[in-house]
Amino acid sequence: MINKIKTAPKKSDSTTIKSAESIYDIKINSIEGKDIDLESFKGKKILFVNVASKCGFTGQYKDLQKLYNIYQDSLMIIGSPCNQFGKQEPGSTSEIQSFCERNYGVTFLITEKIDVKGNSQHPLYDWLTSKQKNGKKNSSVKWNFQKYLIDEQGQLIDYYFSTTSPMSLKIKKHLN
């Protein structure tokens, strides 16, 4: 009788985990309630930002719009209103939309109001903050205006805390 010894499969030399799903498969609505087809942004980088209109970082809307104006051929910015940090986004959909347009001339995409952490975390932020899903790293959203940069193939490049300006070299070096 011959004993067959099973060997464990070789581990990959890769340091990243293959993502379980594509960011392009995630469903999210615009602030107007229309489906946003994230797949339509393949070939562009995407900067996701959780936004709030009554936050100390709200002035970053100006630099987000400036960044979008400069790089809109190769970058989509998607702001997601969130009321989870200091209740700093209490407004209705129409109030948020009006605030963004009136005060900052925002022309980049704004989504529906979502939760970016906790039990009701939107699938988008579940993907952005989970290494198991994004294949790169775990994170947690610490405050309003935290940023997540995705490459042209839908892979996480990195994330940046609220204190990082949208016009920072940390972000812009990936856009040039």
N, C-alpha and C. Protein backbone atom coordinates (compact mmCIF):
# COMPACT_ATOMS: atom_id res chain seq x y z
N MET A 1 0.84 -1.17 0.00
CA MET A 1 0.00 0.00 0.00
C MET A 1 0.89 1.24 0.00
N ILE A 2 0.58 2.17 -0.86
CA ILE A 2 1.37 3.40 -0.98
C ILE A 2 0.60 4.52 -0.31
N ASN A 3 1.31 5.22 0.57
CA ASN A 3 0.69 6.39 1.22
C ASN A 3 0.85 7.59 0.30
N LYS A 4 -0.25 8.23 0.05
CA LYS A 4 -0.20 9.45 -0.76
C LYS A 4 -0.18 10.64 0.20
N ILE A 5 0.81 11.45 0.06
CA ILE A 5 0.93 12.63 0.91
C ILE A 5 0.45 13.83 0.11
N LYS A 6 -0.49 14.52 0.69
CA LYS A 6 -0.99 15.72 0.04
C LYS A 6 -0.15 16.90 0.50
N THR A 7 0.23 17.71 -0.44
CA THR A 7 1.00 18.90 -0.08
C THR A 7 0.12 20.12 -0.28
N ALA A 8 0.39 21.09 0.54
CA ALA A 8 -0.38 22.34 0.42
C ALA A 8 0.01 23.03 -0.87
N PRO A 9 -0.95 23.68 -1.50
CA PRO A 9 -0.61 24.41 -2.72
C PRO A 9 0.39 25.51 -2.39
N LYS A 10 1.25 25.81 -3.35
CA LYS A 10 2.23 26.87 -3.14
C LYS A 10 1.52 28.20 -3.02
N LYS A 11 2.03 29.00 -2.08
CA LYS A 11 1.50 30.36 -1.93
C LYS A 11 2.07 31.22 -3.04
N SER A 12 1.27 32.13 -3.47
CA SER A 12 1.70 33.05 -4.51
C SER A 12 2.77 33.99 -3.96
N ASP A 13 3.69 34.38 -4.80
CA ASP A 13 4.71 35.34 -4.40
C ASP A 13 4.14 36.75 -4.32
N SER A 14 2.95 36.94 -4.82
CA SER A 14 2.34 38.26 -4.85
C SER A 14 2.05 38.74 -3.43
N THR A 15 2.27 40.02 -3.20
CA THR A 15 2.02 40.58 -1.88
C THR A 15 0.61 41.15 -1.75
N THR A 16 -0.11 41.21 -2.84
CA THR A 16 -1.48 41.70 -2.75
C THR A 16 -2.46 40.55 -2.86
N ILE A 17 -3.60 40.77 -2.29
CA ILE A 17 -4.67 39.78 -2.35
C ILE A 17 -5.52 40.09 -3.56
N LYS A 18 -5.90 39.09 -4.30
CA LYS A 18 -6.77 39.29 -5.46
C LYS A 18 -8.13 39.75 -4.96
N SER A 19 -8.66 40.80 -5.55
CA SER A 19 -9.92 41.30 -5.04
C SER A 19 -11.06 40.36 -5.38
N ALA A 20 -11.96 40.23 -4.42
CA ALA A 20 -13.07 39.31 -4.54
C ALA A 20 -14.11 39.82 -5.54
N GLU A 21 -14.19 41.11 -5.67
CA GLU A 21 -15.14 41.71 -6.61
C GLU A 21 -14.51 42.97 -7.16
N SER A 22 -15.04 43.41 -8.25
CA SER A 22 -14.54 44.62 -8.87
C SER A 22 -15.31 45.83 -8.33
N ILE A 23 -14.60 46.92 -8.17
CA ILE A 23 -15.28 48.16 -7.75
C ILE A 23 -16.33 48.54 -8.78
N TYR A 24 -16.10 48.14 -10.03
CA TYR A 24 -17.04 48.48 -11.10
C TYR A 24 -18.39 47.75 -10.98
N ASP A 25 -18.45 46.74 -10.14
CA ASP A 25 -19.70 45.99 -9.94
C ASP A 25 -20.59 46.61 -8.87
N ILE A 26 -20.08 47.58 -8.13
CA ILE A 26 -20.82 48.17 -7.01
C ILE A 26 -21.86 49.15 -7.53
N LYS A 27 -23.01 49.09 -6.93
CA LYS A 27 -24.13 49.97 -7.32
C LYS A 27 -24.24 51.13 -6.33
N ILE A 28 -24.35 52.33 -6.87
CA ILE A 28 -24.58 53.52 -6.06
C ILE A 28 -25.36 54.51 -6.92
N ASN A 29 -26.16 55.33 -6.27
CA ASN A 29 -26.97 56.31 -6.99
C ASN A 29 -26.38 57.71 -6.87
N SER A 30 -26.66 58.51 -7.88
CA SER A 30 -26.27 59.92 -7.84
C SER A 30 -27.19 60.64 -6.85
N ILE A 31 -26.86 61.87 -6.55
CA ILE A 31 -27.69 62.66 -5.64
C ILE A 31 -29.09 62.88 -6.24
N GLU A 32 -29.17 62.77 -7.57
CA GLU A 32 -30.48 62.89 -8.24
C GLU A 32 -31.26 61.58 -8.22
N GLY A 33 -30.66 60.52 -7.67
CA GLY A 33 -31.34 59.23 -7.58
C GLY A 33 -31.15 58.33 -8.80
N LYS A 34 -30.25 58.71 -9.70
CA LYS A 34 -29.98 57.90 -10.90
C LYS A 34 -28.80 56.98 -10.64
N ASP A 35 -28.82 55.80 -11.28
CA ASP A 35 -27.71 54.86 -11.16
C ASP A 35 -26.43 55.48 -11.69
N ILE A 36 -25.33 55.29 -10.94
CA ILE A 36 -24.01 55.66 -11.43
C ILE A 36 -23.34 54.37 -11.89
N ASP A 37 -22.96 54.34 -13.14
CA ASP A 37 -22.29 53.17 -13.70
C ASP A 37 -20.79 53.37 -13.53
N LEU A 38 -20.23 52.84 -12.44
CA LEU A 38 -18.81 53.02 -12.16
C LEU A 38 -17.94 52.45 -13.28
N GLU A 39 -18.45 51.43 -13.97
CA GLU A 39 -17.69 50.82 -15.06
C GLU A 39 -17.44 51.82 -16.19
N SER A 40 -18.30 52.81 -16.31
CA SER A 40 -18.12 53.81 -17.36
C SER A 40 -16.86 54.66 -17.13
N PHE A 41 -16.26 54.54 -15.94
CA PHE A 41 -15.04 55.29 -15.63
C PHE A 41 -13.78 54.45 -15.79
N LYS A 42 -13.92 53.22 -16.31
CA LYS A 42 -12.72 52.42 -16.61
C LYS A 42 -11.84 53.24 -17.55
N GLY A 43 -10.54 53.21 -17.28
CA GLY A 43 -9.62 54.01 -18.08
C GLY A 43 -9.34 55.37 -17.48
N LYS A 44 -10.08 55.73 -16.43
CA LYS A 44 -9.85 56.97 -15.68
C LYS A 44 -9.55 56.61 -14.24
N LYS A 45 -8.83 57.46 -13.56
CA LYS A 45 -8.68 57.31 -12.13
C LYS A 45 -9.96 57.86 -11.49
N ILE A 46 -10.28 57.37 -10.30
CA ILE A 46 -11.43 57.86 -9.56
C ILE A 46 -10.97 58.24 -8.16
N LEU A 47 -11.36 59.42 -7.71
CA LEU A 47 -11.10 59.86 -6.35
C LEU A 47 -12.44 59.90 -5.62
N PHE A 48 -12.60 59.00 -4.66
CA PHE A 48 -13.81 58.97 -3.83
C PHE A 48 -13.55 59.77 -2.57
N VAL A 49 -14.52 60.61 -2.20
CA VAL A 49 -14.38 61.46 -1.02
C VAL A 49 -15.72 61.48 -0.28
N ASN A 50 -15.69 61.20 1.04
CA ASN A 50 -16.93 61.37 1.80
C ASN A 50 -16.99 62.84 2.22
N VAL A 51 -18.06 63.50 1.86
CA VAL A 51 -18.16 64.95 2.01
C VAL A 51 -19.24 65.35 3.01
N ALA A 52 -19.13 66.58 3.51
CA ALA A 52 -20.12 67.14 4.43
C ALA A 52 -20.09 68.66 4.30
N SER A 53 -21.24 69.28 4.39
CA SER A 53 -21.34 70.72 4.15
C SER A 53 -21.10 71.59 5.38
N LYS A 54 -21.04 70.99 6.56
CA LYS A 54 -20.86 71.78 7.78
C LYS A 54 -19.62 71.31 8.55
N CYS A 55 -18.55 71.06 7.84
CA CYS A 55 -17.32 70.51 8.41
C CYS A 55 -16.19 71.52 8.26
N GLY A 56 -15.21 71.44 9.13
CA GLY A 56 -14.04 72.30 9.01
C GLY A 56 -13.28 72.08 7.72
N PHE A 57 -13.46 70.92 7.09
CA PHE A 57 -12.79 70.61 5.83
C PHE A 57 -13.65 70.91 4.60
N THR A 58 -14.84 71.47 4.80
CA THR A 58 -15.77 71.72 3.69
C THR A 58 -15.14 72.58 2.60
N GLY A 59 -14.22 73.46 2.97
CA GLY A 59 -13.52 74.29 1.99
C GLY A 59 -12.76 73.47 0.96
N GLN A 60 -12.54 72.18 1.24
CA GLN A 60 -11.86 71.31 0.26
C GLN A 60 -12.69 71.11 -1.00
N TYR A 61 -13.98 71.41 -0.94
CA TYR A 61 -14.79 71.35 -2.17
C TYR A 61 -14.13 72.21 -3.26
N LYS A 62 -13.61 73.37 -2.87
CA LYS A 62 -12.98 74.29 -3.84
C LYS A 62 -11.80 73.61 -4.53
N ASP A 63 -10.92 72.96 -3.74
CA ASP A 63 -9.76 72.29 -4.34
C ASP A 63 -10.15 71.01 -5.07
N LEU A 64 -11.19 70.32 -4.61
CA LEU A 64 -11.68 69.15 -5.35
C LEU A 64 -12.15 69.58 -6.74
N GLN A 65 -12.89 70.69 -6.80
CA GLN A 65 -13.37 71.19 -8.09
C GLN A 65 -12.19 71.63 -8.96
N LYS A 66 -11.20 72.29 -8.36
CA LYS A 66 -10.00 72.72 -9.09
C LYS A 66 -9.27 71.50 -9.66
N LEU A 67 -9.09 70.47 -8.83
CA LEU A 67 -8.43 69.24 -9.27
C LEU A 67 -9.21 68.61 -10.43
N TYR A 68 -10.53 68.58 -10.30
CA TYR A 68 -11.37 68.01 -11.35
C TYR A 68 -11.24 68.83 -12.65
N ASN A 69 -11.24 70.15 -12.53
CA ASN A 69 -11.11 70.99 -13.72
C ASN A 69 -9.80 70.72 -14.46
N ILE A 70 -8.73 70.49 -13.72
CA ILE A 70 -7.42 70.26 -14.32
C ILE A 70 -7.33 68.87 -14.96
N TYR A 71 -7.85 67.86 -14.27
CA TYR A 71 -7.63 66.46 -14.68
C TYR A 71 -8.87 65.73 -15.19
N GLN A 72 -9.94 66.44 -15.50
CA GLN A 72 -11.21 65.75 -15.81
C GLN A 72 -11.14 64.78 -16.99
N ASP A 73 -10.15 64.93 -17.86
CA ASP A 73 -10.01 63.97 -18.97
C ASP A 73 -9.51 62.61 -18.48
N SER A 74 -8.84 62.59 -17.33
CA SER A 74 -8.26 61.34 -16.83
C SER A 74 -8.68 61.01 -15.40
N LEU A 75 -9.55 61.83 -14.80
CA LEU A 75 -9.96 61.66 -13.40
C LEU A 75 -11.43 61.96 -13.21
N MET A 76 -12.11 61.09 -12.48
CA MET A 76 -13.47 61.38 -12.03
C MET A 76 -13.41 61.53 -10.51
N ILE A 77 -14.01 62.58 -10.01
CA ILE A 77 -14.14 62.75 -8.56
C ILE A 77 -15.58 62.44 -8.21
N ILE A 78 -15.75 61.63 -7.17
CA ILE A 78 -17.10 61.26 -6.72
C ILE A 78 -17.19 61.55 -5.23
N GLY A 79 -18.01 62.53 -4.89
CA GLY A 79 -18.24 62.91 -3.50
C GLY A 79 -19.48 62.20 -2.98
N SER A 80 -19.35 61.63 -1.78
CA SER A 80 -20.48 60.93 -1.16
C SER A 80 -20.83 61.61 0.16
N PRO A 81 -21.94 62.34 0.20
CA PRO A 81 -22.36 62.98 1.44
C PRO A 81 -22.58 61.94 2.54
N CYS A 82 -22.13 62.29 3.73
CA CYS A 82 -22.22 61.39 4.87
C CYS A 82 -22.48 62.22 6.13
N ASN A 83 -23.40 61.76 6.95
CA ASN A 83 -23.78 62.48 8.17
C ASN A 83 -23.28 61.76 9.43
N GLN A 84 -22.28 60.91 9.30
CA GLN A 84 -21.83 60.08 10.42
C GLN A 84 -20.79 60.75 11.32
N PHE A 85 -20.23 61.85 10.90
CA PHE A 85 -19.18 62.49 11.68
C PHE A 85 -19.66 63.85 12.16
N GLY A 86 -20.02 63.95 13.41
CA GLY A 86 -20.48 65.20 13.98
C GLY A 86 -21.78 65.72 13.41
N LYS A 87 -22.54 64.82 12.75
CA LYS A 87 -23.82 65.23 12.12
C LYS A 87 -23.63 66.47 11.24
N GLN A 88 -22.53 66.47 10.46
CA GLN A 88 -22.15 67.63 9.68
C GLN A 88 -22.71 67.64 8.25
N GLU A 89 -23.57 66.67 7.94
CA GLU A 89 -24.27 66.68 6.65
C GLU A 89 -25.75 66.37 6.90
N PRO A 90 -26.45 67.29 7.59
CA PRO A 90 -27.84 67.01 7.96
C PRO A 90 -28.84 67.29 6.85
N GLY A 91 -28.41 67.95 5.79
CA GLY A 91 -29.33 68.42 4.77
C GLY A 91 -29.99 67.34 3.95
N SER A 92 -31.08 67.74 3.30
CA SER A 92 -31.78 66.87 2.36
C SER A 92 -30.97 66.81 1.06
N THR A 93 -31.36 65.92 0.19
CA THR A 93 -30.71 65.78 -1.10
C THR A 93 -30.66 67.12 -1.84
N SER A 94 -31.79 67.82 -1.92
CA SER A 94 -31.81 69.08 -2.66
C SER A 94 -30.99 70.15 -1.96
N GLU A 95 -30.95 70.16 -0.62
CA GLU A 95 -30.14 71.13 0.11
C GLU A 95 -28.65 70.89 -0.14
N ILE A 96 -28.25 69.62 -0.13
CA ILE A 96 -26.84 69.28 -0.36
C ILE A 96 -26.44 69.69 -1.78
N GLN A 97 -27.27 69.33 -2.73
CA GLN A 97 -26.97 69.65 -4.13
C GLN A 97 -26.86 71.16 -4.33
N SER A 98 -27.80 71.89 -3.80
CA SER A 98 -27.81 73.35 -3.92
C SER A 98 -26.57 73.96 -3.25
N PHE A 99 -26.22 73.47 -2.08
CA PHE A 99 -25.05 73.96 -1.35
C PHE A 99 -23.78 73.77 -2.18
N CYS A 100 -23.59 72.59 -2.74
CA CYS A 100 -22.39 72.28 -3.52
C CYS A 100 -22.28 73.16 -4.76
N GLU A 101 -23.38 73.34 -5.45
CA GLU A 101 -23.38 74.14 -6.67
C GLU A 101 -23.22 75.62 -6.37
N ARG A 102 -24.00 76.11 -5.40
CA ARG A 102 -24.02 77.54 -5.09
C ARG A 102 -22.69 78.00 -4.49
N ASN A 103 -22.14 77.25 -3.54
CA ASN A 103 -20.96 77.71 -2.82
C ASN A 103 -19.63 77.33 -3.46
N TYR A 104 -19.61 76.24 -4.22
CA TYR A 104 -18.33 75.76 -4.75
C TYR A 104 -18.35 75.46 -6.24
N GLY A 105 -19.47 75.64 -6.91
CA GLY A 105 -19.55 75.38 -8.34
C GLY A 105 -19.23 73.95 -8.71
N VAL A 106 -19.61 73.02 -7.85
CA VAL A 106 -19.27 71.61 -8.05
C VAL A 106 -19.91 71.06 -9.31
N THR A 107 -19.06 70.48 -10.18
CA THR A 107 -19.57 69.83 -11.39
C THR A 107 -19.20 68.35 -11.42
N PHE A 108 -18.37 67.89 -10.45
CA PHE A 108 -18.07 66.46 -10.38
C PHE A 108 -19.25 65.74 -9.75
N LEU A 109 -19.23 64.44 -9.79
CA LEU A 109 -20.36 63.64 -9.31
C LEU A 109 -20.54 63.68 -7.80
N ILE A 110 -21.77 63.83 -7.38
CA ILE A 110 -22.14 63.71 -5.97
C ILE A 110 -23.15 62.57 -5.89
N THR A 111 -22.94 61.67 -4.94
CA THR A 111 -23.85 60.52 -4.78
C THR A 111 -24.96 60.84 -3.79
N GLU A 112 -25.82 59.87 -3.64
CA GLU A 112 -26.81 59.89 -2.58
C GLU A 112 -26.07 59.94 -1.24
N LYS A 113 -26.76 60.35 -0.18
CA LYS A 113 -26.16 60.34 1.15
C LYS A 113 -26.02 58.88 1.60
N ILE A 114 -24.83 58.52 2.10
CA ILE A 114 -24.56 57.14 2.49
C ILE A 114 -23.84 57.08 3.83
N ASP A 115 -23.76 55.88 4.39
CA ASP A 115 -22.93 55.61 5.55
C ASP A 115 -21.61 55.03 5.05
N VAL A 116 -20.50 55.53 5.60
CA VAL A 116 -19.19 55.08 5.18
C VAL A 116 -18.53 54.15 6.19
N LYS A 117 -19.22 53.90 7.30
CA LYS A 117 -18.71 52.99 8.33
C LYS A 117 -19.90 52.40 9.08
N GLY A 118 -19.63 51.37 9.90
CA GLY A 118 -20.66 50.80 10.75
C GLY A 118 -21.52 49.75 10.08
N ASN A 119 -22.60 49.38 10.76
CA ASN A 119 -23.48 48.30 10.30
C ASN A 119 -24.18 48.61 8.99
N SER A 120 -24.40 49.88 8.69
CA SER A 120 -25.09 50.26 7.45
C SER A 120 -24.12 50.79 6.39
N GLN A 121 -22.84 50.44 6.51
CA GLN A 121 -21.82 50.89 5.58
C GLN A 121 -22.21 50.52 4.14
N HIS A 122 -22.14 51.51 3.27
CA HIS A 122 -22.45 51.28 1.86
C HIS A 122 -21.42 50.31 1.27
N PRO A 123 -21.84 49.43 0.34
CA PRO A 123 -20.90 48.48 -0.28
C PRO A 123 -19.67 49.15 -0.91
N LEU A 124 -19.80 50.37 -1.40
CA LEU A 124 -18.65 51.09 -1.96
C LEU A 124 -17.56 51.25 -0.90
N TYR A 125 -17.96 51.71 0.27
CA TYR A 125 -16.97 51.94 1.33
C TYR A 125 -16.54 50.64 1.99
N ASP A 126 -17.36 49.62 1.91
CA ASP A 126 -16.93 48.29 2.35
C ASP A 126 -15.76 47.85 1.47
N TRP A 127 -15.88 48.05 0.16
CA TRP A 127 -14.81 47.69 -0.78
C TRP A 127 -13.58 48.57 -0.55
N LEU A 128 -13.77 49.88 -0.42
CA LEU A 128 -12.65 50.79 -0.27
C LEU A 128 -11.83 50.52 1.00
N THR A 129 -12.49 50.08 2.07
CA THR A 129 -11.82 49.92 3.36
C THR A 129 -11.42 48.49 3.70
N SER A 130 -11.70 47.53 2.83
CA SER A 130 -11.43 46.12 3.13
C SER A 130 -10.37 45.54 2.20
N LYS A 131 -9.23 45.13 2.76
CA LYS A 131 -8.16 44.51 1.95
C LYS A 131 -8.67 43.26 1.25
N GLN A 132 -9.56 42.54 1.91
CA GLN A 132 -10.12 41.33 1.32
C GLN A 132 -10.84 41.65 0.02
N LYS A 133 -11.43 42.84 -0.07
CA LYS A 133 -12.16 43.22 -1.28
C LYS A 133 -11.33 44.04 -2.25
N ASN A 134 -10.56 45.01 -1.74
CA ASN A 134 -9.80 45.89 -2.64
C ASN A 134 -8.43 45.34 -3.01
N GLY A 135 -7.99 44.27 -2.32
CA GLY A 135 -6.74 43.62 -2.66
C GLY A 135 -5.48 44.33 -2.22
N LYS A 136 -5.62 45.46 -1.55
CA LYS A 136 -4.42 46.23 -1.21
C LYS A 136 -4.25 46.50 0.28
N LYS A 137 -5.27 47.11 0.93
CA LYS A 137 -5.11 47.44 2.34
C LYS A 137 -6.43 47.70 3.04
N ASN A 138 -6.40 47.47 4.35
CA ASN A 138 -7.53 47.80 5.21
C ASN A 138 -7.39 49.25 5.66
N SER A 139 -8.51 49.88 5.91
CA SER A 139 -8.52 51.23 6.46
C SER A 139 -9.86 51.44 7.16
N SER A 140 -9.96 52.54 7.84
CA SER A 140 -11.26 52.94 8.37
C SER A 140 -11.39 54.43 8.10
N VAL A 141 -12.60 54.85 7.84
CA VAL A 141 -12.85 56.26 7.57
C VAL A 141 -12.87 56.98 8.90
N LYS A 142 -11.96 57.91 9.07
CA LYS A 142 -11.79 58.60 10.34
C LYS A 142 -12.64 59.86 10.46
N TRP A 143 -12.90 60.55 9.33
CA TRP A 143 -13.64 61.81 9.38
C TRP A 143 -14.08 62.18 7.97
N ASN A 144 -14.82 63.27 7.86
CA ASN A 144 -15.25 63.79 6.56
C ASN A 144 -14.03 64.15 5.70
N PHE A 145 -14.20 64.04 4.41
CA PHE A 145 -13.19 64.39 3.41
C PHE A 145 -11.97 63.47 3.41
N GLN A 146 -12.17 62.21 3.84
CA GLN A 146 -11.12 61.21 3.62
C GLN A 146 -11.23 60.80 2.15
N LYS A 147 -10.08 60.57 1.52
CA LYS A 147 -10.05 60.35 0.07
C LYS A 147 -9.47 58.98 -0.26
N TYR A 148 -10.05 58.34 -1.30
CA TYR A 148 -9.57 57.04 -1.80
C TYR A 148 -9.34 57.18 -3.29
N LEU A 149 -8.12 56.89 -3.74
CA LEU A 149 -7.77 57.02 -5.16
C LEU A 149 -7.68 55.64 -5.80
N ILE A 150 -8.39 55.48 -6.89
CA ILE A 150 -8.48 54.22 -7.65
C ILE A 150 -7.82 54.44 -9.01
N ASP A 151 -7.07 53.43 -9.49
CA ASP A 151 -6.40 53.58 -10.79
C ASP A 151 -7.35 53.28 -11.95
N GLU A 152 -6.81 53.36 -13.15
CA GLU A 152 -7.62 53.21 -14.38
C GLU A 152 -8.21 51.82 -14.56
N GLN A 153 -7.68 50.83 -13.85
CA GLN A 153 -8.19 49.46 -13.94
C GLN A 153 -9.06 49.08 -12.73
N GLY A 154 -9.36 50.07 -11.88
CA GLY A 154 -10.23 49.81 -10.74
C GLY A 154 -9.53 49.28 -9.51
N GLN A 155 -8.21 49.48 -9.42
CA GLN A 155 -7.44 49.01 -8.27
C GLN A 155 -7.16 50.19 -7.33
N LEU A 156 -7.23 49.92 -6.03
CA LEU A 156 -6.93 50.95 -5.03
C LEU A 156 -5.46 51.35 -5.14
N ILE A 157 -5.21 52.64 -5.27
CA ILE A 157 -3.85 53.16 -5.23
C ILE A 157 -3.48 53.44 -3.77
N ASP A 158 -4.31 54.26 -3.10
CA ASP A 158 -4.05 54.61 -1.70
C ASP A 158 -5.23 55.42 -1.17
N TYR A 159 -5.16 55.69 0.13
CA TYR A 159 -6.16 56.57 0.73
C TYR A 159 -5.43 57.67 1.48
N TYR A 160 -6.16 58.78 1.72
CA TYR A 160 -5.58 59.97 2.30
C TYR A 160 -6.55 60.53 3.33
N PHE A 161 -6.01 60.86 4.50
CA PHE A 161 -6.86 61.41 5.56
C PHE A 161 -7.35 62.80 5.19
N SER A 162 -8.31 63.28 5.94
CA SER A 162 -8.95 64.58 5.70
C SER A 162 -7.96 65.73 5.62
N THR A 163 -6.88 65.64 6.37
CA THR A 163 -5.91 66.73 6.40
C THR A 163 -5.11 66.85 5.11
N THR A 164 -5.19 65.86 4.23
CA THR A 164 -4.50 65.91 2.94
C THR A 164 -5.34 66.71 1.95
N SER A 165 -4.79 67.80 1.49
CA SER A 165 -5.48 68.64 0.51
C SER A 165 -5.66 67.89 -0.80
N PRO A 166 -6.78 68.10 -1.48
CA PRO A 166 -6.96 67.47 -2.79
C PRO A 166 -5.85 67.87 -3.78
N MET A 167 -5.24 69.03 -3.60
CA MET A 167 -4.19 69.51 -4.50
C MET A 167 -2.80 69.08 -4.02
N SER A 168 -2.74 68.23 -3.02
CA SER A 168 -1.48 67.75 -2.47
C SER A 168 -0.68 66.95 -3.49
N LEU A 169 0.64 67.05 -3.40
CA LEU A 169 1.52 66.24 -4.25
C LEU A 169 1.30 64.75 -4.01
N LYS A 170 0.89 64.37 -2.81
CA LYS A 170 0.62 62.97 -2.50
C LYS A 170 -0.43 62.41 -3.47
N ILE A 171 -1.39 63.22 -3.84
CA ILE A 171 -2.44 62.80 -4.77
C ILE A 171 -2.03 63.11 -6.20
N LYS A 172 -1.58 64.33 -6.45
CA LYS A 172 -1.28 64.76 -7.82
C LYS A 172 -0.17 63.95 -8.48
N LYS A 173 0.75 63.39 -7.70
CA LYS A 173 1.84 62.60 -8.32
C LYS A 173 1.28 61.39 -9.06
N HIS A 174 0.10 60.93 -8.66
CA HIS A 174 -0.52 59.79 -9.35
C HIS A 174 -1.33 60.21 -10.57
N LEU A 175 -1.52 61.50 -10.75
CA LEU A 175 -2.37 62.01 -11.83
C LEU A 175 -1.58 62.53 -13.02
N ASN A 176 -0.31 62.76 -12.84
CA ASN A 176 0.52 63.32 -13.92
C ASN A 176 1.07 62.24 -14.82
